[in-house]
Protein backbone atom coordinates (compact mmCIF):
# COMPACT_ATOMS: atom_id res chain seq x y z
CA MET A 1 -11.57 14.39 -4.77
CA GLU A 2 -13.60 11.24 -4.23
CA LYS A 3 -11.15 8.33 -4.17
CA ILE A 4 -7.88 8.16 -2.28
CA LEU A 5 -5.61 5.11 -2.46
CA VAL A 6 -3.12 4.60 0.35
CA CYS A 7 -0.24 2.17 -0.11
CA PHE A 8 0.27 0.46 3.22
CA ASP A 9 3.00 -1.96 4.29
CA GLY A 10 2.81 -1.42 8.04
CA SER A 11 5.97 0.70 8.16
CA GLU A 12 6.11 4.01 10.01
CA TRP A 13 6.25 5.71 6.61
CA SER A 14 3.02 4.09 5.48
CA LYS A 15 1.33 5.00 8.78
CA LYS A 16 2.30 8.63 8.16
CA ALA A 17 0.87 8.34 4.66
CA LEU A 18 -2.39 6.94 6.01
CA ASN A 19 -2.67 9.78 8.52
CA GLU A 20 -2.14 12.37 5.77
CA ALA A 21 -4.74 10.65 3.59
CA ILE A 22 -7.20 10.73 6.51
CA LYS A 23 -6.72 14.49 6.88
CA ILE A 24 -7.46 14.96 3.17
CA ALA A 25 -10.45 12.61 3.28
CA GLN A 26 -11.92 14.44 6.26
CA ARG A 27 -11.59 17.76 4.46
CA PHE A 28 -13.09 16.59 1.15
CA GLY A 29 -15.37 13.74 2.26
CA SER A 30 -13.30 11.27 0.26
CA GLN A 31 -13.31 7.51 0.54
CA ILE A 32 -10.01 5.80 1.33
CA THR A 33 -8.86 2.43 0.05
CA VAL A 34 -5.87 1.08 1.93
CA LEU A 35 -3.96 -1.30 -0.34
CA SER A 36 -1.28 -3.80 0.58
CA VAL A 37 0.43 -5.96 -1.99
CA VAL A 38 1.63 -9.48 -1.26
CA PRO A 39 4.63 -9.97 -3.55
CA LYS A 40 5.04 -13.11 -5.61
CA VAL A 41 8.40 -14.31 -4.36
CA CYS A 42 10.03 -17.72 -4.13
CA PHE A 43 13.25 -18.81 -2.48
CA LEU A 44 13.46 -22.25 -4.06
CA GLU A 45 17.25 -22.21 -4.08
CA MET A 46 17.08 -21.88 -0.30
CA GLY A 47 14.58 -24.71 0.00
CA ILE A 48 11.58 -22.46 0.72
CA ASP A 49 8.62 -22.99 -1.59
CA CYS A 50 6.46 -20.19 -3.02
CA ALA A 51 3.37 -21.09 -0.97
CA THR A 52 5.29 -20.78 2.30
CA VAL A 53 6.70 -17.38 1.39
CA GLU A 54 3.28 -16.17 0.26
CA SER A 55 1.58 -17.34 3.45
CA ILE A 56 4.18 -15.52 5.57
CA PHE A 57 3.75 -12.28 3.61
CA ARG A 58 -0.07 -12.65 3.64
CA ALA A 59 -0.25 -13.18 7.42
CA GLU A 60 1.89 -10.11 8.04
CA THR A 61 -0.15 -8.08 5.55
CA GLU A 62 -3.46 -9.06 7.13
CA GLY A 63 -2.16 -7.94 10.52
CA ASN A 64 -1.00 -4.64 9.09
CA LEU A 65 -4.36 -3.99 7.47
CA ARG A 66 -6.19 -4.68 10.74
CA LYS A 67 -4.15 -1.83 12.22
CA ALA A 68 -5.09 0.41 9.28
CA GLU A 69 -8.80 -0.45 9.77
CA GLU A 70 -8.51 0.52 13.45
CA ILE A 71 -6.98 3.87 12.52
CA LEU A 72 -9.73 4.59 9.97
CA SER A 73 -12.41 3.65 12.47
CA GLU A 74 -10.89 5.80 15.24
CA LYS A 75 -10.81 8.81 12.90
CA GLY A 76 -14.35 8.18 11.59
CA VAL A 77 -13.29 8.00 7.95
CA ARG A 78 -15.00 5.86 5.31
CA GLY A 79 -12.58 3.29 4.04
CA GLN A 80 -11.84 -0.21 3.00
CA THR A 81 -8.76 -2.39 2.99
CA LEU A 82 -7.59 -4.59 0.17
CA ILE A 83 -4.88 -7.19 -0.37
CA LEU A 84 -3.67 -7.91 -3.91
CA GLU A 85 -0.80 -10.05 -5.16
CA GLY A 86 2.00 -9.32 -7.60
CA THR A 87 4.83 -6.88 -8.12
CA PRO A 88 4.00 -4.03 -5.72
CA ALA A 89 4.58 -1.01 -7.97
CA ASP A 90 2.80 -2.58 -10.94
CA VAL A 91 -0.19 -3.66 -8.85
CA ILE A 92 -0.54 -0.24 -7.22
CA VAL A 93 -0.42 1.65 -10.53
CA GLU A 94 -2.83 -0.76 -12.22
CA TYR A 95 -5.32 -0.64 -9.36
CA ALA A 96 -5.24 3.17 -9.28
CA LYS A 97 -5.84 3.39 -13.02
CA ASN A 98 -8.59 0.74 -13.17
CA ASN A 99 -10.46 2.26 -10.22
CA ASN A 100 -10.25 5.93 -11.21
CA VAL A 101 -8.30 6.90 -8.11
CA ASP A 102 -7.96 10.67 -7.72
CA LEU A 103 -4.99 10.67 -5.35
CA LEU A 104 -2.45 8.01 -4.44
CA VAL A 105 -0.73 8.51 -1.07
CA MET A 106 2.38 6.64 -0.02
CA GLY A 107 5.39 6.92 2.23
CA SER A 108 8.72 8.06 0.89
CA LYS A 109 10.23 4.79 2.09
CA GLY A 110 8.97 1.28 2.57
CA LYS A 111 9.57 -1.43 5.12
CA ASP A 112 13.19 -2.39 4.79
CA ALA A 113 16.31 -2.76 2.73
CA THR A 114 15.57 -6.39 1.90
CA GLU A 115 12.35 -5.49 0.13
CA ARG A 116 14.07 -2.61 -1.66
CA THR A 117 16.69 -5.06 -2.90
CA LEU A 118 14.04 -7.51 -4.11
CA PHE A 119 11.59 -5.05 -5.64
CA GLY A 120 13.48 -1.80 -6.15
CA SER A 121 12.02 1.46 -4.95
CA VAL A 122 8.26 1.02 -5.13
CA THR A 123 7.75 4.73 -4.49
CA GLN A 124 10.04 5.67 -7.37
CA LYS A 125 8.32 3.31 -9.80
CA VAL A 126 4.84 4.40 -8.79
CA THR A 127 5.57 8.11 -9.11
CA ALA A 128 7.08 7.54 -12.55
CA THR A 129 4.16 5.52 -13.93
CA ALA A 130 0.95 6.43 -12.08
CA SER A 131 -1.83 8.04 -14.09
CA CYS A 132 -3.13 10.04 -11.10
CA SER A 133 -1.57 12.51 -8.70
CA VAL A 134 0.79 10.99 -6.12
CA LEU A 135 1.46 12.43 -2.67
CA ILE A 136 4.72 11.26 -1.13
CA VAL A 137 4.76 11.58 2.65
CA ARG A 138 8.01 11.97 4.62
């Protein structure tokens, strides 16, 4: 098992997923990629333009990934962080497929009910469509 992809949104669930991925990486000498997806969302009807929404999501995501980098460094695990944009489940599945990921690790839940309402269950969509093995962490 060479490549592990961890879906990370900064939630407690994604932190648990990262910690499980680290345990696996330490055992097998795997490399971890920690992926966060900035969703393409607009609230034009509320007077908030797309660029503003994206910059808010991006700033939060960058902060979350700095935390993930610290965790990787503390544990001495090879890894990288990555921010992509789009529909979270689609981006995760596409990245895993295009990069020959051996194992995808994610939390059983994401950040909050608002995101679930906007994007549906990312975990459910990923497990249904991923081409690699998926480990769901509770």
